[in-house]
Amino acid sequence: MELEGGCRCGEIRYRVAGDLIDARCCHCSRCRKAFSGPGSAYAQVHAGDFSWVSGRSNLTRYVNREGFGVGFCKTCGSTVCGFYEDEVHGVTLGSVDGDPGVVIERHIFVGSKASWDEIGGDAPQYQEYVD
């Protein structure tokens, strides 16, 4: 499967030349801040499947001390991808054009979710991180 995605204003575009893997929602406080919502909906990409189509120069990154971070558009603020060190690790499901072809496999860090966050669906919920 090949898919494309990008930011809200269209400045940043990417392509994934394969299937997304390990789709999950994270409900930790860091994801709530980064995504301005109840958490993140995210899926990993296989190494080498991700490429920038346009707008890479418009990408701003925030990476924490552990080497994990997010990439977002400096024009519209849309979070489009996740990084581990200098490599794109995955994409935010909301930035994918159309159907990303995945279902959420798990909810993680539900032990620290916001009190107003009501998690739906049948995916398992974990208090902390699990692989």
N, C-alpha and C. Protein backbone atom coordinates (compact mmCIF):
# COMPACT_ATOMS: atom_id res chain seq x y z
N MET A 1 0.85 -1.18 0.00
CA MET A 1 0.00 0.00 0.00
C MET A 1 0.89 1.24 0.00
N GLU A 2 0.55 2.21 -0.81
CA GLU A 2 1.25 3.49 -0.79
C GLU A 2 0.26 4.56 -0.40
N LEU A 3 0.68 5.46 0.48
CA LEU A 3 -0.21 6.54 0.89
C LEU A 3 0.56 7.84 0.97
N GLU A 4 -0.20 8.93 0.99
CA GLU A 4 0.39 10.26 1.13
C GLU A 4 -0.32 11.01 2.24
N GLY A 5 0.32 12.05 2.69
CA GLY A 5 -0.25 12.89 3.72
C GLY A 5 0.48 14.19 3.79
N GLY A 6 0.05 15.02 4.74
CA GLY A 6 0.70 16.31 4.89
C GLY A 6 0.03 17.15 5.94
N CYS A 7 0.44 18.38 6.00
CA CYS A 7 -0.07 19.32 7.01
C CYS A 7 -1.36 20.00 6.52
N ARG A 8 -1.95 20.76 7.40
CA ARG A 8 -3.22 21.42 7.11
C ARG A 8 -3.11 22.45 5.98
N CYS A 9 -2.04 23.23 5.97
CA CYS A 9 -1.92 24.28 4.95
C CYS A 9 -1.38 23.77 3.63
N GLY A 10 -0.87 22.52 3.60
CA GLY A 10 -0.39 21.93 2.36
C GLY A 10 1.07 22.18 2.05
N GLU A 11 1.77 22.91 2.90
CA GLU A 11 3.19 23.19 2.66
C GLU A 11 4.04 21.92 2.75
N ILE A 12 3.70 21.03 3.68
CA ILE A 12 4.47 19.80 3.87
C ILE A 12 3.69 18.62 3.31
N ARG A 13 4.35 17.81 2.50
CA ARG A 13 3.76 16.59 1.95
C ARG A 13 4.75 15.45 2.11
N TYR A 14 4.23 14.26 2.40
CA TYR A 14 5.07 13.07 2.52
C TYR A 14 4.41 11.89 1.82
N ARG A 15 5.20 10.83 1.62
CA ARG A 15 4.71 9.59 1.02
C ARG A 15 5.24 8.42 1.86
N VAL A 16 4.39 7.41 2.03
CA VAL A 16 4.79 6.17 2.68
C VAL A 16 4.58 5.07 1.65
N ALA A 17 5.67 4.39 1.27
CA ALA A 17 5.63 3.39 0.22
C ALA A 17 5.46 1.98 0.79
N GLY A 18 4.57 1.86 1.76
CA GLY A 18 4.32 0.56 2.38
C GLY A 18 3.23 0.70 3.40
N ASP A 19 2.97 -0.38 4.09
CA ASP A 19 1.91 -0.37 5.10
C ASP A 19 2.34 0.34 6.37
N LEU A 20 1.39 1.00 7.01
CA LEU A 20 1.62 1.53 8.36
C LEU A 20 1.52 0.36 9.33
N ILE A 21 2.27 0.44 10.42
CA ILE A 21 2.29 -0.64 11.40
C ILE A 21 2.09 -0.09 12.82
N ASP A 22 1.59 -0.94 13.68
CA ASP A 22 1.47 -0.64 15.10
C ASP A 22 0.69 0.65 15.38
N ALA A 23 -0.51 0.74 14.83
CA ALA A 23 -1.36 1.92 15.06
C ALA A 23 -1.83 1.92 16.51
N ARG A 24 -1.66 3.07 17.17
CA ARG A 24 -2.06 3.18 18.57
C ARG A 24 -2.43 4.60 18.93
N CYS A 25 -3.12 4.72 20.05
CA CYS A 25 -3.42 6.02 20.63
C CYS A 25 -2.68 6.11 21.96
N CYS A 26 -2.01 7.20 22.16
CA CYS A 26 -1.31 7.44 23.42
C CYS A 26 -2.05 8.55 24.16
N HIS A 27 -2.30 8.33 25.44
CA HIS A 27 -3.08 9.26 26.24
C HIS A 27 -2.23 9.95 27.32
N CYS A 28 -0.91 9.93 27.17
CA CYS A 28 -0.04 10.55 28.18
C CYS A 28 -0.13 12.08 28.12
N SER A 29 0.33 12.73 29.16
CA SER A 29 0.26 14.19 29.23
C SER A 29 1.10 14.85 28.15
N ARG A 30 2.21 14.24 27.76
CA ARG A 30 3.05 14.83 26.71
C ARG A 30 2.33 14.83 25.36
N CYS A 31 1.63 13.73 25.05
CA CYS A 31 0.88 13.68 23.79
C CYS A 31 -0.30 14.63 23.81
N ARG A 32 -0.93 14.77 24.97
CA ARG A 32 -2.03 15.76 25.05
C ARG A 32 -1.52 17.15 24.72
N LYS A 33 -0.36 17.50 25.24
CA LYS A 33 0.22 18.83 24.96
C LYS A 33 0.62 18.95 23.49
N ALA A 34 1.30 17.92 22.97
CA ALA A 34 1.81 17.98 21.59
C ALA A 34 0.69 18.03 20.56
N PHE A 35 -0.44 17.36 20.85
CA PHE A 35 -1.51 17.26 19.87
C PHE A 35 -2.73 18.09 20.24
N SER A 36 -2.67 18.82 21.35
CA SER A 36 -3.76 19.68 21.80
C SER A 36 -5.09 18.95 21.83
N GLY A 37 -5.09 17.76 22.39
CA GLY A 37 -6.29 16.95 22.47
C GLY A 37 -6.13 15.84 23.50
N PRO A 38 -6.97 14.81 23.40
CA PRO A 38 -6.91 13.73 24.39
C PRO A 38 -5.66 12.87 24.26
N GLY A 39 -4.92 12.99 23.18
CA GLY A 39 -3.70 12.22 22.98
C GLY A 39 -3.34 12.19 21.51
N SER A 40 -2.63 11.15 21.13
CA SER A 40 -2.18 11.04 19.74
C SER A 40 -2.71 9.77 19.10
N ALA A 41 -2.96 9.82 17.82
CA ALA A 41 -3.24 8.64 17.00
C ALA A 41 -2.09 8.55 16.01
N TYR A 42 -1.36 7.45 16.07
CA TYR A 42 -0.05 7.38 15.45
C TYR A 42 0.21 5.97 14.94
N ALA A 43 0.95 5.84 13.86
CA ALA A 43 1.38 4.53 13.38
C ALA A 43 2.82 4.63 12.90
N GLN A 44 3.55 3.57 13.11
CA GLN A 44 4.94 3.53 12.68
C GLN A 44 5.03 3.22 11.19
N VAL A 45 6.20 3.51 10.63
CA VAL A 45 6.51 3.18 9.25
C VAL A 45 7.73 2.27 9.24
N HIS A 46 7.81 1.41 8.23
CA HIS A 46 9.01 0.59 8.06
C HIS A 46 10.16 1.48 7.63
N ALA A 47 11.34 1.19 8.11
CA ALA A 47 12.53 1.95 7.73
C ALA A 47 12.66 1.96 6.21
N GLY A 48 12.86 3.11 5.66
CA GLY A 48 13.03 3.26 4.22
C GLY A 48 11.75 3.49 3.43
N ASP A 49 10.58 3.31 4.07
CA ASP A 49 9.31 3.51 3.36
C ASP A 49 8.87 4.97 3.33
N PHE A 50 9.40 5.79 4.21
CA PHE A 50 8.97 7.19 4.32
C PHE A 50 9.84 8.08 3.45
N SER A 51 9.20 9.04 2.73
CA SER A 51 9.96 10.05 1.99
C SER A 51 9.18 11.37 1.98
N TRP A 52 9.93 12.45 1.91
CA TRP A 52 9.32 13.77 1.81
C TRP A 52 9.01 14.05 0.35
N VAL A 53 7.81 14.54 0.06
CA VAL A 53 7.42 14.93 -1.29
C VAL A 53 7.73 16.41 -1.48
N SER A 54 7.37 17.23 -0.49
CA SER A 54 7.64 18.67 -0.56
C SER A 54 7.56 19.27 0.84
N GLY A 55 8.18 20.41 0.98
CA GLY A 55 8.05 21.19 2.19
C GLY A 55 8.90 20.78 3.37
N ARG A 56 9.89 19.92 3.17
CA ARG A 56 10.72 19.49 4.31
C ARG A 56 11.37 20.69 5.00
N SER A 57 11.68 21.72 4.24
CA SER A 57 12.29 22.92 4.85
C SER A 57 11.31 23.66 5.75
N ASN A 58 10.02 23.36 5.64
CA ASN A 58 9.01 24.00 6.47
C ASN A 58 8.74 23.20 7.76
N LEU A 59 9.44 22.09 7.90
CA LEU A 59 9.27 21.22 9.07
C LEU A 59 10.10 21.72 10.24
N THR A 60 9.48 21.81 11.39
CA THR A 60 10.17 22.11 12.63
C THR A 60 10.07 20.87 13.51
N ARG A 61 11.12 20.60 14.27
CA ARG A 61 11.12 19.40 15.11
C ARG A 61 11.31 19.76 16.57
N TYR A 62 10.67 18.97 17.41
CA TYR A 62 10.95 19.00 18.84
C TYR A 62 11.35 17.58 19.22
N VAL A 63 12.53 17.41 19.78
CA VAL A 63 13.02 16.09 20.20
C VAL A 63 13.40 16.17 21.67
N ASN A 64 12.93 15.20 22.46
CA ASN A 64 13.24 15.21 23.90
C ASN A 64 14.60 14.58 24.18
N ARG A 65 14.98 14.54 25.44
CA ARG A 65 16.30 14.02 25.84
C ARG A 65 16.50 12.56 25.47
N GLU A 66 15.41 11.81 25.39
CA GLU A 66 15.51 10.39 25.05
C GLU A 66 15.61 10.15 23.54
N GLY A 67 15.52 11.20 22.74
CA GLY A 67 15.65 11.07 21.29
C GLY A 67 14.35 10.96 20.54
N PHE A 68 13.20 10.94 21.25
CA PHE A 68 11.90 10.89 20.60
C PHE A 68 11.37 12.30 20.40
N GLY A 69 10.65 12.51 19.32
CA GLY A 69 10.08 13.83 19.09
C GLY A 69 9.04 13.83 18.01
N VAL A 70 8.58 15.03 17.69
CA VAL A 70 7.56 15.23 16.67
C VAL A 70 8.04 16.25 15.66
N GLY A 71 7.51 16.13 14.45
CA GLY A 71 7.77 17.11 13.40
C GLY A 71 6.47 17.80 13.05
N PHE A 72 6.51 19.10 12.95
CA PHE A 72 5.30 19.86 12.66
C PHE A 72 5.59 21.00 11.71
N CYS A 73 4.53 21.48 11.06
CA CYS A 73 4.64 22.56 10.09
C CYS A 73 4.82 23.89 10.80
N LYS A 74 5.83 24.65 10.41
CA LYS A 74 6.03 25.94 11.06
C LYS A 74 5.07 27.01 10.58
N THR A 75 4.27 26.73 9.55
CA THR A 75 3.25 27.67 9.10
C THR A 75 1.93 27.43 9.82
N CYS A 76 1.41 26.20 9.76
CA CYS A 76 0.08 25.94 10.33
C CYS A 76 0.10 25.19 11.66
N GLY A 77 1.25 24.63 12.04
CA GLY A 77 1.38 23.95 13.33
C GLY A 77 0.95 22.49 13.33
N SER A 78 0.51 21.95 12.20
CA SER A 78 0.08 20.54 12.15
C SER A 78 1.23 19.60 12.46
N THR A 79 0.99 18.66 13.37
CA THR A 79 1.97 17.61 13.65
C THR A 79 1.80 16.53 12.59
N VAL A 80 2.87 16.20 11.89
CA VAL A 80 2.77 15.25 10.79
C VAL A 80 3.51 13.94 11.01
N CYS A 81 4.55 13.95 11.85
CA CYS A 81 5.33 12.73 11.99
C CYS A 81 6.00 12.69 13.36
N GLY A 82 6.52 11.52 13.65
CA GLY A 82 7.29 11.31 14.86
C GLY A 82 8.72 10.94 14.49
N PHE A 83 9.65 11.32 15.34
CA PHE A 83 11.06 11.02 15.11
C PHE A 83 11.62 10.18 16.25
N TYR A 84 12.57 9.37 15.92
CA TYR A 84 13.46 8.81 16.93
C TYR A 84 14.86 9.15 16.45
N GLU A 85 15.55 9.95 17.25
CA GLU A 85 16.82 10.53 16.87
C GLU A 85 16.62 11.30 15.57
N ASP A 86 17.29 10.95 14.49
CA ASP A 86 17.16 11.73 13.25
C ASP A 86 16.29 11.06 12.19
N GLU A 87 15.68 9.95 12.53
CA GLU A 87 14.88 9.21 11.56
C GLU A 87 13.39 9.36 11.83
N VAL A 88 12.60 9.47 10.74
CA VAL A 88 11.15 9.47 10.88
C VAL A 88 10.74 8.07 11.34
N HIS A 89 10.02 8.02 12.44
CA HIS A 89 9.61 6.79 13.10
C HIS A 89 8.20 6.38 12.67
N GLY A 90 7.33 7.38 12.42
CA GLY A 90 5.95 7.12 12.05
C GLY A 90 5.23 8.40 11.69
N VAL A 91 3.94 8.26 11.42
CA VAL A 91 3.13 9.41 11.03
C VAL A 91 1.91 9.52 11.93
N THR A 92 1.42 10.74 12.07
CA THR A 92 0.17 10.96 12.79
C THR A 92 -0.97 10.57 11.86
N LEU A 93 -1.91 9.79 12.37
CA LEU A 93 -2.98 9.29 11.51
C LEU A 93 -3.85 10.40 10.96
N GLY A 94 -3.98 11.49 11.70
CA GLY A 94 -4.78 12.61 11.21
C GLY A 94 -4.15 13.34 10.04
N SER A 95 -2.86 13.15 9.81
CA SER A 95 -2.20 13.83 8.68
C SER A 95 -2.25 13.01 7.39
N VAL A 96 -2.73 11.77 7.46
CA VAL A 96 -2.81 10.91 6.28
C VAL A 96 -4.01 11.32 5.43
N ASP A 97 -3.80 11.39 4.12
CA ASP A 97 -4.91 11.65 3.19
C ASP A 97 -5.76 10.40 3.07
N GLY A 98 -7.06 10.54 3.30
CA GLY A 98 -7.95 9.40 3.13
C GLY A 98 -7.80 8.35 4.22
N ASP A 99 -8.12 7.12 3.88
CA ASP A 99 -8.10 6.01 4.81
C ASP A 99 -6.67 5.48 4.97
N PRO A 100 -6.12 5.52 6.19
CA PRO A 100 -4.76 5.03 6.37
C PRO A 100 -4.64 3.51 6.33
N GLY A 101 -5.78 2.80 6.29
CA GLY A 101 -5.74 1.36 6.18
C GLY A 101 -5.35 0.64 7.46
N VAL A 102 -5.62 1.26 8.60
CA VAL A 102 -5.28 0.66 9.89
C VAL A 102 -6.46 0.76 10.84
N VAL A 103 -6.39 -0.01 11.91
CA VAL A 103 -7.29 0.15 13.05
C VAL A 103 -6.39 0.33 14.26
N ILE A 104 -6.89 1.07 15.24
CA ILE A 104 -6.11 1.27 16.47
C ILE A 104 -5.98 -0.08 17.17
N GLU A 105 -4.75 -0.50 17.43
CA GLU A 105 -4.47 -1.79 18.05
C GLU A 105 -4.44 -1.73 19.57
N ARG A 106 -4.16 -0.55 20.11
CA ARG A 106 -4.05 -0.43 21.57
C ARG A 106 -4.06 1.03 21.99
N HIS A 107 -4.47 1.25 23.21
CA HIS A 107 -4.40 2.56 23.86
C HIS A 107 -3.37 2.43 24.96
N ILE A 108 -2.41 3.35 24.96
CA ILE A 108 -1.34 3.28 25.97
C ILE A 108 -1.37 4.51 26.88
N PHE A 109 -0.79 4.35 28.04
CA PHE A 109 -0.74 5.39 29.08
C PHE A 109 -2.12 5.88 29.48
N VAL A 110 -3.08 4.97 29.52
CA VAL A 110 -4.42 5.37 29.94
C VAL A 110 -4.45 5.65 31.45
N GLY A 111 -3.43 5.22 32.18
CA GLY A 111 -3.35 5.53 33.61
C GLY A 111 -3.15 7.01 33.87
N SER A 112 -2.70 7.74 32.86
CA SER A 112 -2.50 9.19 33.04
C SER A 112 -3.38 10.00 32.09
N LYS A 113 -4.42 9.38 31.54
CA LYS A 113 -5.29 10.12 30.60
C LYS A 113 -6.02 11.24 31.34
N ALA A 114 -6.48 12.21 30.57
CA ALA A 114 -7.24 13.32 31.13
C ALA A 114 -8.57 12.81 31.67
N SER A 115 -9.06 13.43 32.73
CA SER A 115 -10.31 13.01 33.35
C SER A 115 -11.49 13.11 32.39
N TRP A 116 -11.42 14.00 31.42
CA TRP A 116 -12.51 14.21 30.47
C TRP A 116 -12.40 13.30 29.24
N ASP A 117 -11.35 12.50 29.14
CA ASP A 117 -11.10 11.64 27.99
C ASP A 117 -11.90 10.34 28.13
N GLU A 118 -12.85 10.12 27.23
CA GLU A 118 -13.64 8.88 27.20
C GLU A 118 -13.15 8.05 26.01
N ILE A 119 -12.52 6.94 26.29
CA ILE A 119 -11.96 6.10 25.24
C ILE A 119 -13.02 5.13 24.74
N GLY A 120 -13.22 5.12 23.43
CA GLY A 120 -14.19 4.21 22.83
C GLY A 120 -13.51 3.09 22.08
N GLY A 121 -14.31 2.22 21.52
CA GLY A 121 -13.77 1.13 20.72
C GLY A 121 -13.39 -0.08 21.54
N ASP A 122 -12.91 -1.10 20.84
CA ASP A 122 -12.60 -2.38 21.48
C ASP A 122 -11.11 -2.63 21.69
N ALA A 123 -10.26 -1.72 21.27
CA ALA A 123 -8.81 -1.95 21.40
C ALA A 123 -8.43 -2.03 22.87
N PRO A 124 -7.49 -2.91 23.22
CA PRO A 124 -7.06 -3.03 24.61
C PRO A 124 -6.49 -1.72 25.14
N GLN A 125 -6.65 -1.52 26.44
CA GLN A 125 -6.14 -0.32 27.10
C GLN A 125 -5.09 -0.72 28.14
N TYR A 126 -3.97 -0.01 28.12
CA TYR A 126 -2.86 -0.31 29.02
C TYR A 126 -2.51 0.91 29.86
N GLN A 127 -2.30 0.69 31.13
CA GLN A 127 -1.98 1.77 32.06
C GLN A 127 -0.68 2.48 31.70
N GLU A 128 0.28 1.75 31.17
CA GLU A 128 1.60 2.27 30.79
C GLU A 128 1.87 1.93 29.32
N TYR A 129 3.12 2.03 28.94
CA TYR A 129 3.52 1.65 27.58
C TYR A 129 3.71 0.14 27.49
N VAL A 130 3.26 -0.45 26.39
CA VAL A 130 3.51 -1.87 26.09
C VAL A 130 3.82 -2.01 24.60
N ASP A 131 4.67 -2.94 24.28
CA ASP A 131 4.95 -3.27 22.87
C ASP A 131 3.95 -4.25 22.36
